[in-house]
C-alpha atoms as a PDB file:
ATOM      1  CA  GLN A   1     -14.136  -5.612  -0.527  1.00  0.00           C
ATOM      2  CA  VAL A   2     -11.282  -5.900   1.932  1.00  0.00           C
ATOM      3  CA  GLN A   3      -8.876  -2.982   1.940  1.00  0.00           C
ATOM      4  CA  LEU A   4      -5.858  -1.874   3.896  1.00  0.00           C
ATOM      5  CA  VAL A   5      -5.049   1.800   3.423  1.00  0.00           C
ATOM      6  CA  GLU A   6      -1.797   3.282   4.685  1.00  0.00           C
ATOM      7  CA  SER A   7      -1.297   6.948   5.445  1.00  0.00           C
ATOM      8  CA  GLY A   8       1.155   9.179   7.242  1.00  0.00           C
ATOM      9  CA  GLY A   9       4.159   8.896   4.971  1.00  0.00           C
ATOM     10  CA  GLY A  10       6.071  11.909   3.775  1.00  0.00           C
ATOM     11  CA  LEU A  11       9.363  13.741   3.728  1.00  0.00           C
ATOM     12  CA  VAL A  12      11.205  14.233   7.009  1.00  0.00           C
ATOM     13  CA  GLN A  13      14.713  15.210   8.030  1.00  0.00           C
ATOM     14  CA  ALA A  14      17.043  12.727   9.633  1.00  0.00           C
ATOM     15  CA  GLY A  15      16.304  12.470  13.336  1.00  0.00           C
ATOM     16  CA  GLY A  16      12.647  13.279  12.821  1.00  0.00           C
ATOM     17  CA  SER A  17       9.535  11.199  13.375  1.00  0.00           C
ATOM     18  CA  LEU A  18       6.551   9.934  11.437  1.00  0.00           C
ATOM     19  CA  ARG A  19       3.514   7.937  12.414  1.00  0.00           C
ATOM     20  CA  LEU A  20       2.090   5.604   9.833  1.00  0.00           C
ATOM     21  CA  SER A  21      -1.481   4.362  10.017  1.00  0.00           C
ATOM     22  CA  CYS A  22      -3.086   1.357   8.393  1.00  0.00           C
ATOM     23  CA  ALA A  23      -6.862   1.473   8.296  1.00  0.00           C
ATOM     24  CA  ALA A  24      -8.664  -1.738   7.430  1.00  0.00           C
ATOM     25  CA  SER A  25     -12.111  -1.964   5.938  1.00  0.00           C
ATOM     26  CA  GLY A  26     -14.338  -4.673   4.566  1.00  0.00           C
ATOM     27  CA  ARG A  27     -13.756  -7.000   7.507  1.00  0.00           C
ATOM     28  CA  THR A  28     -12.299  -6.913  10.960  1.00  0.00           C
ATOM     29  CA  PHE A  29      -8.702  -7.921  11.568  1.00  0.00           C
ATOM     30  CA  SER A  30      -8.991  -7.880  15.334  1.00  0.00           C
ATOM     31  CA  SER A  31      -8.328 -11.624  15.515  1.00  0.00           C
ATOM     32  CA  THR A  32      -5.253 -11.697  13.277  1.00  0.00           C
ATOM     33  CA  ALA A  33      -1.702 -10.471  13.429  1.00  0.00           C
ATOM     34  CA  MET A  34      -0.649  -7.469  11.384  1.00  0.00           C
ATOM     35  CA  GLY A  35       2.700  -6.331  10.111  1.00  0.00           C
ATOM     36  CA  TRP A  36       4.671  -3.573   8.448  1.00  0.00           C
ATOM     37  CA  PHE A  37       7.150  -4.123   5.655  1.00  0.00           C
ATOM     38  CA  ARG A  38       9.182  -1.764   3.534  1.00  0.00           C
ATOM     39  CA  GLN A  39      10.669  -1.857   0.082  1.00  0.00           C
ATOM     40  CA  VAL A  40      13.284   0.103  -1.771  1.00  0.00           C
ATOM     41  CA  ALA A  41      13.130   0.048  -5.559  1.00  0.00           C
ATOM     42  CA  GLY A  42      15.059  -2.906  -6.901  1.00  0.00           C
ATOM     43  CA  LYS A  43      15.220  -4.669  -3.566  1.00  0.00           C
ATOM     44  CA  GLU A  44      13.100  -7.284  -1.866  1.00  0.00           C
ATOM     45  CA  ARG A  45      10.365  -6.209   0.502  1.00  0.00           C
ATOM     46  CA  GLU A  46      11.661  -6.550   4.047  1.00  0.00           C
ATOM     47  CA  PHE A  47      10.050  -7.092   7.406  1.00  0.00           C
ATOM     48  CA  VAL A  48       9.906  -4.116   9.759  1.00  0.00           C
ATOM     49  CA  ALA A  49       7.524  -5.006  12.583  1.00  0.00           C
ATOM     50  CA  ALA A  50       4.559  -7.186  13.487  1.00  0.00           C
ATOM     51  CA  ILE A  51       1.972  -7.279  16.234  1.00  0.00           C
ATOM     52  CA  SER A  52      -0.222 -10.052  17.569  1.00  0.00           C
ATOM     53  CA  TRP A  53      -3.993  -9.882  17.364  1.00  0.00           C
ATOM     54  CA  SER A  54      -4.293  -8.600  20.926  1.00  0.00           C
ATOM     55  CA  GLY A  55      -1.353  -6.235  20.722  1.00  0.00           C
ATOM     56  CA  GLY A  56       0.264  -8.108  23.551  1.00  0.00           C
ATOM     57  CA  SER A  57       3.223  -9.272  21.504  1.00  0.00           C
ATOM     58  CA  THR A  58       5.341  -7.221  19.149  1.00  0.00           C
ATOM     59  CA  TYR A  59       8.247  -8.155  16.904  1.00  0.00           C
ATOM     60  CA  TYR A  60      10.824  -5.964  15.229  1.00  0.00           C
ATOM     61  CA  ALA A  61      13.575  -6.153  12.681  1.00  0.00           C
ATOM     62  CA  ASP A  62      16.950  -5.305  14.170  1.00  0.00           C
ATOM     63  CA  SER A  63      16.945  -2.083  12.145  1.00  0.00           C
ATOM     64  CA  ALA A  64      13.711  -0.990  13.838  1.00  0.00           C
ATOM     65  CA  LYS A  65      14.367  -1.994  17.438  1.00  0.00           C
ATOM     66  CA  GLY A  66      14.533   0.934  19.812  1.00  0.00           C
ATOM     67  CA  ARG A  67      13.313   3.418  17.204  1.00  0.00           C
ATOM     68  CA  PHE A  68      10.002   2.097  15.865  1.00  0.00           C
ATOM     69  CA  THR A  69       6.888   1.087  17.765  1.00  0.00           C
ATOM     70  CA  ILE A  70       4.035  -0.934  16.313  1.00  0.00           C
ATOM     71  CA  SER A  71       0.604  -0.732  17.892  1.00  0.00           C
ATOM     72  CA  ARG A  72      -3.016  -1.341  17.028  1.00  0.00           C
ATOM     73  CA  ASP A  73      -6.488  -0.197  17.954  1.00  0.00           C
ATOM     74  CA  ASN A  74      -8.878  -3.060  17.274  1.00  0.00           C
ATOM     75  CA  ALA A  75     -11.904  -0.865  17.937  1.00  0.00           C
ATOM     76  CA  LYS A  76     -10.796   1.262  14.997  1.00  0.00           C
ATOM     77  CA  ASN A  77      -9.535  -1.682  12.928  1.00  0.00           C
ATOM     78  CA  THR A  78      -6.274   0.236  12.570  1.00  0.00           C
ATOM     79  CA  ALA A  79      -2.594  -0.481  13.048  1.00  0.00           C
ATOM     80  CA  TYR A  80       0.153   2.071  13.540  1.00  0.00           C
ATOM     81  CA  LEU A  81       3.885   2.372  13.143  1.00  0.00           C
ATOM     82  CA  GLN A  82       5.522   5.139  15.142  1.00  0.00           C
ATOM     83  CA  MET A  83       8.951   5.844  13.683  1.00  0.00           C
ATOM     84  CA  ASN A  84      11.419   7.949  15.646  1.00  0.00           C
ATOM     85  CA  SER A  85      15.040   8.899  15.073  1.00  0.00           C
ATOM     86  CA  LEU A  86      14.607   8.332  11.372  1.00  0.00           C
ATOM     87  CA  LYS A  87      17.659   7.780   9.204  1.00  0.00           C
ATOM     88  CA  PRO A  88      18.158   8.214   5.449  1.00  0.00           C
ATOM     89  CA  GLU A  89      18.386   4.421   5.145  1.00  0.00           C
ATOM     90  CA  ASP A  90      14.780   4.203   6.374  1.00  0.00           C
ATOM     91  CA  THR A  91      13.688   5.730   3.076  1.00  0.00           C
ATOM     92  CA  ALA A  92      11.324   3.261   1.391  1.00  0.00           C
ATOM     93  CA  VAL A  93       7.732   2.525   0.552  1.00  0.00           C
ATOM     94  CA  TYR A  94       6.101   1.166   3.695  1.00  0.00           C
ATOM     95  CA  TYR A  95       3.395  -1.482   3.400  1.00  0.00           C
ATOM     96  CA  CYS A  96       0.851  -2.697   5.881  1.00  0.00           C
ATOM     97  CA  ALA A  97      -0.050  -6.386   5.832  1.00  0.00           C
ATOM     98  CA  ALA A  98      -2.570  -8.543   7.654  1.00  0.00           C
ATOM     99  CA  GLU A  99      -3.401 -12.142   8.430  1.00  0.00           C
ATOM    100  CA  PRO A 100      -0.181 -14.108   8.150  1.00  0.00           C
ATOM    101  CA  ARG A 101      -0.833 -17.775   7.425  1.00  0.00           C
ATOM    102  CA  GLY A 102       2.404 -18.813   9.028  1.00  0.00           C
ATOM    103  CA  GLY A 103       5.616 -16.958   9.825  1.00  0.00           C
ATOM    104  CA  ARG A 104       5.091 -13.316  10.638  1.00  0.00           C
ATOM    105  CA  TYR A 105       8.466 -12.301   9.235  1.00  0.00           C
ATOM    106  CA  ASP A 106       7.838 -13.619   5.724  1.00  0.00           C
ATOM    107  CA  MET A 107       5.968 -11.352   3.329  1.00  0.00           C
ATOM    108  CA  ARG A 108       4.751 -14.386   1.380  1.00  0.00           C
ATOM    109  CA  GLU A 109       2.702 -15.508   4.378  1.00  0.00           C
ATOM    110  CA  TYR A 110       0.394 -12.483   4.491  1.00  0.00           C
ATOM    111  CA  ASN A 111      -3.019 -12.593   2.863  1.00  0.00           C
ATOM    112  CA  TYR A 112      -3.769  -8.892   2.674  1.00  0.00           C
ATOM    113  CA  TRP A 113      -1.684  -5.867   1.680  1.00  0.00           C
ATOM    114  CA  GLY A 114      -2.086  -2.138   1.462  1.00  0.00           C
ATOM    115  CA  GLN A 115      -0.927  -0.019  -1.464  1.00  0.00           C
ATOM    116  CA  GLY A 116       2.016   1.471   0.407  1.00  0.00           C
ATOM    117  CA  THR A 117       3.040   4.909   1.576  1.00  0.00           C
ATOM    118  CA  GLN A 118       6.324   6.612   0.718  1.00  0.00           C
ATOM    119  CA  VAL A 119       8.672   7.617   3.507  1.00  0.00           C
ATOM    120  CA  THR A 120      11.641   9.767   2.543  1.00  0.00           C
ATOM    121  CA  VAL A 121      14.270  10.767   5.075  1.00  0.00           C
ATOM    122  CA  SER A 122      16.673  13.500   4.030  1.00  0.00           C
ATOM    123  CA  SER A 123      20.154  13.832   5.452  1.00  0.00           C
END
């Protein structure tokens, strides 16, 4: 059974940092891109960041550029999202996704999803 399991969410003050992890099991994702999305209740899930299979290319939403860093460790079958300078508007459930069929920015293109981890940033 293929699973993506996120961890590392929590409550942090504005300006603080969190590091999210996405551990994959059931198969290796070392040959596919992976991404992070986030969703606020009542709103559409939005793209945050994506990384190529090798880690050599990364892509960010404008809201994440300069503050968030996506990375991966293929030996551990794990992806990460380092989030710095967090703002209250970053509060959301963060989801890990893997194996986009097409566009990396479109949540509908991803084949696999984690269950999400809550990130809450207080002002």
